[in-house]
PDB file of N, CA and C in Angstrom:
ATOM      1  N   UNK A   1       2.576  -2.955  12.906  1.00  0.00           N
ATOM      2  CA  UNK A   1       3.456  -1.883  12.523  1.00  0.00           C
ATOM      3  C   UNK A   1       2.776  -0.936  11.531  1.00  0.00           C
ATOM      4  N   UNK A   2       2.047  -1.506  10.576  1.00  0.00           N
ATOM      5  CA  UNK A   2       1.377  -0.676   9.574  1.00  0.00           C
ATOM      6  C   UNK A   2       0.368   0.253  10.239  1.00  0.00           C
ATOM      7  N   UNK A   3      -0.403  -0.276  11.183  1.00  0.00           N
ATOM      8  CA  UNK A   3      -1.394   0.554  11.877  1.00  0.00           C
ATOM      9  C   UNK A   3      -0.723   1.675  12.661  1.00  0.00           C
ATOM     10  N   UNK A   4       0.389   1.358  13.343  1.00  0.00           N
ATOM     11  CA  UNK A   4       1.110   2.370  14.117  1.00  0.00           C
ATOM     12  C   UNK A   4       1.646   3.473  13.214  1.00  0.00           C
ATOM     13  N   UNK A   5       2.233   3.091  12.091  1.00  0.00           N
ATOM     14  CA  UNK A   5       2.755   4.087  11.156  1.00  0.00           C
ATOM     15  C   UNK A   5       1.630   4.936  10.589  1.00  0.00           C
ATOM     16  N   UNK A   6       0.534   4.301  10.244  1.00  0.00           N
ATOM     17  CA  UNK A   6      -0.596   5.051   9.684  1.00  0.00           C
ATOM     18  C   UNK A   6      -1.141   6.070  10.684  1.00  0.00           C
ATOM     19  N   UNK A   7      -1.242   5.677  11.956  1.00  0.00           N
ATOM     20  CA  UNK A   7      -1.708   6.614  12.987  1.00  0.00           C
ATOM     21  C   UNK A   7      -0.741   7.787  13.137  1.00  0.00           C
ATOM     22  N   UNK A   8       0.559   7.499  13.101  1.00  0.00           N
ATOM     23  CA  UNK A   8       1.559   8.558  13.231  1.00  0.00           C
ATOM     24  C   UNK A   8       1.482   9.523  12.056  1.00  0.00           C
ATOM     25  N   UNK A   9       1.279   9.001  10.870  1.00  0.00           N
ATOM     26  CA  UNK A   9       1.204   9.847   9.684  1.00  0.00           C
ATOM     27  C   UNK A   9      -0.112  10.621   9.606  1.00  0.00           C
ATOM     28  N   UNK A  10      -1.146  10.126  10.259  1.00  0.00           N
ATOM     29  CA  UNK A  10      -2.465  10.769  10.201  1.00  0.00           C
ATOM     30  C   UNK A  10      -2.454  12.155  10.821  1.00  0.00           C
ATOM     31  N   UNK A  11      -1.513  12.418  11.705  1.00  0.00           N
ATOM     32  CA  UNK A  11      -1.463  13.736  12.334  1.00  0.00           C
ATOM     33  C   UNK A  11      -0.984  14.816  11.366  1.00  0.00           C
ATOM     34  N   UNK A  12      -0.369  14.410  10.275  1.00  0.00           N
ATOM     35  CA  UNK A  12       0.086  15.367   9.255  1.00  0.00           C
ATOM     36  C   UNK A  12      -0.313  14.862   7.873  1.00  0.00           C
ATOM     37  N   UNK A  13      -1.632  14.756   7.610  1.00  0.00           N
ATOM     38  CA  UNK A  13      -2.065  14.198   6.326  1.00  0.00           C
ATOM     39  C   UNK A  13      -1.678  15.093   5.154  1.00  0.00           C
ATOM     40  N   UNK A  14      -1.247  14.465   4.085  1.00  0.00           N
ATOM     41  CA  UNK A  14      -0.904  15.184   2.866  1.00  0.00           C
ATOM     42  C   UNK A  14      -2.182  15.528   2.113  1.00  0.00           C
ATOM     43  N   UNK A  15      -3.114  14.580   2.099  1.00  0.00           N
ATOM     44  CA  UNK A  15      -4.409  14.773   1.439  1.00  0.00           C
ATOM     45  C   UNK A  15      -5.396  13.772   2.036  1.00  0.00           C
ATOM     46  N   UNK A  16      -6.673  14.037   1.911  1.00  0.00           N
ATOM     47  CA  UNK A  16      -7.669  13.101   2.440  1.00  0.00           C
ATOM     48  C   UNK A  16      -7.586  11.759   1.722  1.00  0.00           C
ATOM     49  N   UNK A  17      -7.898  10.701   2.429  1.00  0.00           N
ATOM     50  CA  UNK A  17      -7.883   9.369   1.821  1.00  0.00           C
ATOM     51  C   UNK A  17      -9.311   8.851   1.690  1.00  0.00           C
ATOM     52  N   UNK A  18      -9.543   7.982   0.741  1.00  0.00           N
ATOM     53  CA  UNK A  18     -10.872   7.433   0.485  1.00  0.00           C
ATOM     54  C   UNK A  18     -11.074   6.084   1.163  1.00  0.00           C
ATOM     55  N   UNK A  19     -10.026   5.472   1.666  1.00  0.00           N
ATOM     56  CA  UNK A  19     -10.088   4.124   2.232  1.00  0.00           C
ATOM     57  C   UNK A  19     -10.055   4.174   3.753  1.00  0.00           C
ATOM     58  N   UNK A  20     -10.570   3.104   4.375  1.00  0.00           N
ATOM     59  CA  UNK A  20     -10.556   3.006   5.832  1.00  0.00           C
ATOM     60  C   UNK A  20      -9.439   2.100   6.332  1.00  0.00           C
ATOM     61  N   UNK A  21      -9.004   1.155   5.502  1.00  0.00           N
ATOM     62  CA  UNK A  21      -7.948   0.223   5.891  1.00  0.00           C
ATOM     63  C   UNK A  21      -6.933   0.118   4.756  1.00  0.00           C
ATOM     64  N   UNK A  22      -5.764  -0.374   5.087  1.00  0.00           N
ATOM     65  CA  UNK A  22      -4.761  -0.585   4.044  1.00  0.00           C
ATOM     66  C   UNK A  22      -5.163  -1.723   3.110  1.00  0.00           C
ATOM     67  N   UNK A  23      -5.944  -2.671   3.598  1.00  0.00           N
ATOM     68  CA  UNK A  23      -6.454  -3.719   2.710  1.00  0.00           C
ATOM     69  C   UNK A  23      -7.344  -3.087   1.639  1.00  0.00           C
ATOM     70  N   UNK A  24      -8.256  -2.188   2.049  1.00  0.00           N
ATOM     71  CA  UNK A  24      -9.103  -1.492   1.076  1.00  0.00           C
ATOM     72  C   UNK A  24      -8.243  -0.664   0.118  1.00  0.00           C
ATOM     73  N   UNK A  25      -7.212  -0.029   0.648  1.00  0.00           N
ATOM     74  CA  UNK A  25      -6.318   0.778  -0.172  1.00  0.00           C
ATOM     75  C   UNK A  25      -5.656  -0.093  -1.241  1.00  0.00           C
ATOM     76  N   UNK A  26      -5.114  -1.231  -0.839  1.00  0.00           N
ATOM     77  CA  UNK A  26      -4.439  -2.152  -1.760  1.00  0.00           C
ATOM     78  C   UNK A  26      -5.397  -2.658  -2.832  1.00  0.00           C
ATOM     79  N   UNK A  27      -6.571  -3.115  -2.399  1.00  0.00           N
ATOM     80  CA  UNK A  27      -7.543  -3.643  -3.367  1.00  0.00           C
ATOM     81  C   UNK A  27      -7.979  -2.549  -4.346  1.00  0.00           C
ATOM     82  N   UNK A  28      -8.218  -1.346  -3.848  1.00  0.00           N
ATOM     83  CA  UNK A  28      -8.594  -0.240  -4.714  1.00  0.00           C
ATOM     84  C   UNK A  28      -7.460   0.169  -5.638  1.00  0.00           C
ATOM     85  N   UNK A  29      -6.250   0.141  -5.112  1.00  0.00           N
ATOM     86  CA  UNK A  29      -5.065   0.497  -5.899  1.00  0.00           C
ATOM     87  C   UNK A  29      -4.927  -0.449  -7.087  1.00  0.00           C
ATOM     88  N   UNK A  30      -5.160  -1.725  -6.848  1.00  0.00           N
ATOM     89  CA  UNK A  30      -5.084  -2.698  -7.946  1.00  0.00           C
ATOM     90  C   UNK A  30      -6.279  -2.574  -8.888  1.00  0.00           C
ATOM     91  N   UNK A  31      -7.464  -2.430  -8.319  1.00  0.00           N
ATOM     92  CA  UNK A  31      -8.691  -2.365  -9.116  1.00  0.00           C
ATOM     93  C   UNK A  31      -8.700  -1.149 -10.035  1.00  0.00           C
ATOM     94  N   UNK A  32      -8.183  -0.047  -9.560  1.00  0.00           N
ATOM     95  CA  UNK A  32      -8.205   1.200 -10.323  1.00  0.00           C
ATOM     96  C   UNK A  32      -6.938   1.395 -11.144  1.00  0.00           C
ATOM     97  N   UNK A  33      -6.336   0.307 -11.540  1.00  0.00           N
ATOM     98  CA  UNK A  33      -5.079   0.436 -12.274  1.00  0.00           C
ATOM     99  C   UNK A  33      -5.254   1.285 -13.517  1.00  0.00           C
ATOM    100  N   UNK A  34      -6.382   1.201 -14.185  1.00  0.00           N
ATOM    101  CA  UNK A  34      -6.638   2.022 -15.369  1.00  0.00           C
ATOM    102  C   UNK A  34      -7.566   3.185 -15.057  1.00  0.00           C
ATOM    103  N   UNK A  35      -7.708   3.527 -13.795  1.00  0.00           N
ATOM    104  CA  UNK A  35      -8.684   4.554 -13.447  1.00  0.00           C
ATOM    105  C   UNK A  35      -8.116   5.669 -12.601  1.00  0.00           C
ATOM    106  N   UNK A  36      -8.529   5.720 -11.347  1.00  0.00           N
ATOM    107  CA  UNK A  36      -8.258   6.856 -10.469  1.00  0.00           C
ATOM    108  C   UNK A  36      -6.782   7.169 -10.279  1.00  0.00           C
ATOM    109  N   UNK A  37      -5.950   6.178 -10.358  1.00  0.00           N
ATOM    110  CA  UNK A  37      -4.531   6.423 -10.131  1.00  0.00           C
ATOM    111  C   UNK A  37      -3.789   6.835 -11.394  1.00  0.00           C
ATOM    112  N   UNK A  38      -4.491   6.930 -12.504  1.00  0.00           N
ATOM    113  CA  UNK A  38      -3.893   7.444 -13.724  1.00  0.00           C
ATOM    114  C   UNK A  38      -2.905   6.509 -14.405  1.00  0.00           C
ATOM    115  N   UNK A  39      -3.006   5.243 -14.109  1.00  0.00           N
ATOM    116  CA  UNK A  39      -2.101   4.300 -14.773  1.00  0.00           C
ATOM    117  C   UNK A  39      -2.657   3.960 -16.144  1.00  0.00           C
ATOM    118  N   UNK A  40      -1.770   3.713 -17.085  1.00  0.00           N
ATOM    119  CA  UNK A  40      -2.228   3.505 -18.458  1.00  0.00           C
ATOM    120  C   UNK A  40      -2.229   2.049 -18.900  1.00  0.00           C
ATOM    121  N   UNK A  41      -1.582   1.177 -18.166  1.00  0.00           N
ATOM    122  CA  UNK A  41      -1.507  -0.221 -18.613  1.00  0.00           C
ATOM    123  C   UNK A  41      -1.470  -1.156 -17.417  1.00  0.00           C
ATOM    124  N   UNK A  42      -2.011  -2.322 -17.587  1.00  0.00           N
ATOM    125  CA  UNK A  42      -2.031  -3.316 -16.517  1.00  0.00           C
ATOM    126  C   UNK A  42      -1.198  -4.516 -16.910  1.00  0.00           C
ATOM    127  N   UNK A  43      -0.426  -4.398 -17.953  1.00  0.00           N
ATOM    128  CA  UNK A  43       0.407  -5.508 -18.397  1.00  0.00           C
ATOM    129  C   UNK A  43       1.778  -5.435 -17.720  1.00  0.00           C
ATOM    130  N   UNK A  44       1.777  -5.513 -16.403  1.00  0.00           N
ATOM    131  CA  UNK A  44       2.992  -5.393 -15.610  1.00  0.00           C
ATOM    132  C   UNK A  44       3.188  -6.645 -14.778  1.00  0.00           C
ATOM    133  N   UNK A  45       4.427  -6.888 -14.413  1.00  0.00           N
ATOM    134  CA  UNK A  45       4.738  -8.012 -13.540  1.00  0.00           C
ATOM    135  C   UNK A  45       4.409  -7.642 -12.101  1.00  0.00           C
ATOM    136  N   UNK A  46       4.317  -8.643 -11.243  1.00  0.00           N
ATOM    137  CA  UNK A  46       4.098  -8.391  -9.819  1.00  0.00           C
ATOM    138  C   UNK A  46       5.247  -7.541  -9.264  1.00  0.00           C
ATOM    139  N   UNK A  47       6.448  -7.777  -9.742  1.00  0.00           N
ATOM    140  CA  UNK A  47       7.602  -6.984  -9.298  1.00  0.00           C
ATOM    141  C   UNK A  47       7.411  -5.509  -9.638  1.00  0.00           C
ATOM    142  N   UNK A  48       6.938  -5.236 -10.833  1.00  0.00           N
ATOM    143  CA  UNK A  48       6.718  -3.857 -11.249  1.00  0.00           C
ATOM    144  C   UNK A  48       5.636  -3.194 -10.406  1.00  0.00           C
ATOM    145  N   UNK A  49       4.557  -3.915 -10.148  1.00  0.00           N
ATOM    146  CA  UNK A  49       3.472  -3.370  -9.314  1.00  0.00           C
ATOM    147  C   UNK A  49       4.017  -3.045  -7.930  1.00  0.00           C
ATOM    148  N   UNK A  50       4.734  -3.983  -7.337  1.00  0.00           N
ATOM    149  CA  UNK A  50       5.321  -3.800  -6.007  1.00  0.00           C
ATOM    150  C   UNK A  50       6.240  -2.576  -5.988  1.00  0.00           C
ATOM    151  N   UNK A  51       7.052  -2.433  -7.006  1.00  0.00           N
ATOM    152  CA  UNK A  51       8.016  -1.333  -7.062  1.00  0.00           C
ATOM    153  C   UNK A  51       7.365   0.025  -7.265  1.00  0.00           C
ATOM    154  N   UNK A  52       6.090   0.064  -7.623  1.00  0.00           N
ATOM    155  CA  UNK A  52       5.398   1.335  -7.814  1.00  0.00           C
ATOM    156  C   UNK A  52       4.569   1.762  -6.601  1.00  0.00           C
ATOM    157  N   UNK A  53       4.604   0.984  -5.539  1.00  0.00           N
ATOM    158  CA  UNK A  53       3.897   1.363  -4.309  1.00  0.00           C
ATOM    159  C   UNK A  53       4.622   2.560  -3.706  1.00  0.00           C
ATOM    160  N   UNK A  54       3.873   3.606  -3.402  1.00  0.00           N
ATOM    161  CA  UNK A  54       4.457   4.814  -2.827  1.00  0.00           C
ATOM    162  C   UNK A  54       3.835   5.156  -1.479  1.00  0.00           C
ATOM    163  N   UNK A  55       3.310   4.139  -0.808  1.00  0.00           N
ATOM    164  CA  UNK A  55       2.658   4.345   0.482  1.00  0.00           C
ATOM    165  C   UNK A  55       3.271   3.370   1.486  1.00  0.00           C
ATOM    166  N   UNK A  56       4.062   3.912   2.418  1.00  0.00           N
ATOM    167  CA  UNK A  56       4.740   3.056   3.393  1.00  0.00           C
ATOM    168  C   UNK A  56       3.767   2.212   4.228  1.00  0.00           C
ATOM    169  N   UNK A  57       2.643   2.777   4.730  1.00  0.00           N
ATOM    170  CA  UNK A  57       1.726   1.921   5.483  1.00  0.00           C
ATOM    171  C   UNK A  57       1.173   0.767   4.633  1.00  0.00           C
ATOM    172  N   UNK A  58       0.902   1.011   3.354  1.00  0.00           N
ATOM    173  CA  UNK A  58       0.417  -0.072   2.498  1.00  0.00           C
ATOM    174  C   UNK A  58       1.488  -1.151   2.351  1.00  0.00           C
ATOM    175  N   UNK A  59       2.714  -0.743   2.151  1.00  0.00           N
ATOM    176  CA  UNK A  59       3.800  -1.702   1.992  1.00  0.00           C
ATOM    177  C   UNK A  59       3.985  -2.534   3.256  1.00  0.00           C
ATOM    178  N   UNK A  60       3.941  -1.882   4.412  1.00  0.00           N
ATOM    179  CA  UNK A  60       4.038  -2.624   5.670  1.00  0.00           C
ATOM    180  C   UNK A  60       2.864  -3.570   5.838  1.00  0.00           C
ATOM    181  N   UNK A  61       1.662  -3.122   5.484  1.00  0.00           N
ATOM    182  CA  UNK A  61       0.487  -3.979   5.597  1.00  0.00           C
ATOM    183  C   UNK A  61       0.658  -5.214   4.705  1.00  0.00           C
ATOM    184  N   UNK A  62       1.137  -5.025   3.478  1.00  0.00           N
ATOM    185  CA  UNK A  62       1.357  -6.157   2.579  1.00  0.00           C
ATOM    186  C   UNK A  62       2.339  -7.158   3.176  1.00  0.00           C
ATOM    187  N   UNK A  63       3.404  -6.660   3.780  1.00  0.00           N
ATOM    188  CA  UNK A  63       4.385  -7.544   4.416  1.00  0.00           C
ATOM    189  C   UNK A  63       3.749  -8.316   5.566  1.00  0.00           C
ATOM    190  N   UNK A  64       2.988  -7.611   6.395  1.00  0.00           N
ATOM    191  CA  UNK A  64       2.328  -8.264   7.522  1.00  0.00           C
ATOM    192  C   UNK A  64       1.304  -9.286   7.036  1.00  0.00           C
ATOM    193  N   UNK A  65       0.496  -8.904   6.054  1.00  0.00           N
ATOM    194  CA  UNK A  65      -0.528  -9.813   5.532  1.00  0.00           C
ATOM    195  C   UNK A  65       0.102 -11.028   4.865  1.00  0.00           C
ATOM    196  N   UNK A  66       1.298 -10.848   4.318  1.00  0.00           N
ATOM    197  CA  UNK A  66       2.004 -11.944   3.671  1.00  0.00           C
ATOM    198  C   UNK A  66       2.752 -12.843   4.644  1.00  0.00           C
ATOM    199  N   UNK A  67       2.720 -12.493   5.928  1.00  0.00           N
ATOM    200  CA  UNK A  67       3.337 -13.341   6.947  1.00  0.00           C
ATOM    201  C   UNK A  67       4.824 -13.127   7.125  1.00  0.00           C
ATOM    202  N   UNK A  68       5.366 -12.034   6.617  1.00  0.00           N
ATOM    203  CA  UNK A  68       6.784 -11.781   6.790  1.00  0.00           C
ATOM    204  C   UNK A  68       7.009 -11.410   8.259  1.00  0.00           C
ATOM    205  N   UNK A  69       7.942 -12.080   8.928  1.00  0.00           N
ATOM    206  CA  UNK A  69       8.165 -11.788  10.343  1.00  0.00           C
ATOM    207  C   UNK A  69       8.687 -10.364  10.556  1.00  0.00           C
ATOM    208  N   UNK A  70       8.391  -9.811  11.735  1.00  0.00           N
ATOM    209  CA  UNK A  70       8.857  -8.452  12.062  1.00  0.00           C
ATOM    210  C   UNK A  70      10.367  -8.365  12.038  1.00  0.00           C
ATOM    211  N   UNK A  71      11.006  -9.400  12.493  1.00  0.00           N
ATOM    212  CA  UNK A  71      12.470  -9.430  12.505  1.00  0.00           C
ATOM    213  C   UNK A  71      12.920 -10.657  11.740  1.00  0.00           C
ATOM    214  N   UNK A  72      13.965 -10.485  11.019  1.00  0.00           N
ATOM    215  CA  UNK A  72      14.581 -11.631  10.352  1.00  0.00           C
ATOM    216  C   UNK A  72      16.025 -11.699  10.808  1.00  0.00           C
ATOM    217  N   UNK A  73      16.554 -12.918  10.898  1.00  0.00           N
ATOM    218  CA  UNK A  73      17.963 -13.059  11.317  1.00  0.00           C
ATOM    219  C   UNK A  73      18.861 -12.759  10.130  1.00  0.00           C
ATOM    220  N   UNK A  74      20.035 -12.332  10.436  1.00  0.00           N
ATOM    221  CA  UNK A  74      20.994 -11.991   9.380  1.00  0.00           C
ATOM    222  C   UNK A  74      21.826 -13.145   8.989  1.00  0.00           C
TER     223      UNK A  74
END
C-alpha cells in the first residue's frame, strides 16, 4: 500500500525528496532529529515521534513493516 500511495503522489510532487525508500526516509527522519528537519529536542516519547509524522507513505510503510494486517476485524 505504501508503494502504491507513493507512486500516486509522485505525479504531483510538492518538493524533491532525498530518499529512495520509505525505510531510508524513516531512518533519516529519526537520525536528523536535531538536524535537517529543524527539530530542537530528542527527548520525546515514541508516541510523540509517531504523532509528528506528516508523510502518509512513511506512516503506511511503518504499519506494513510492523506487521499490521491490511484489514482488521471490527
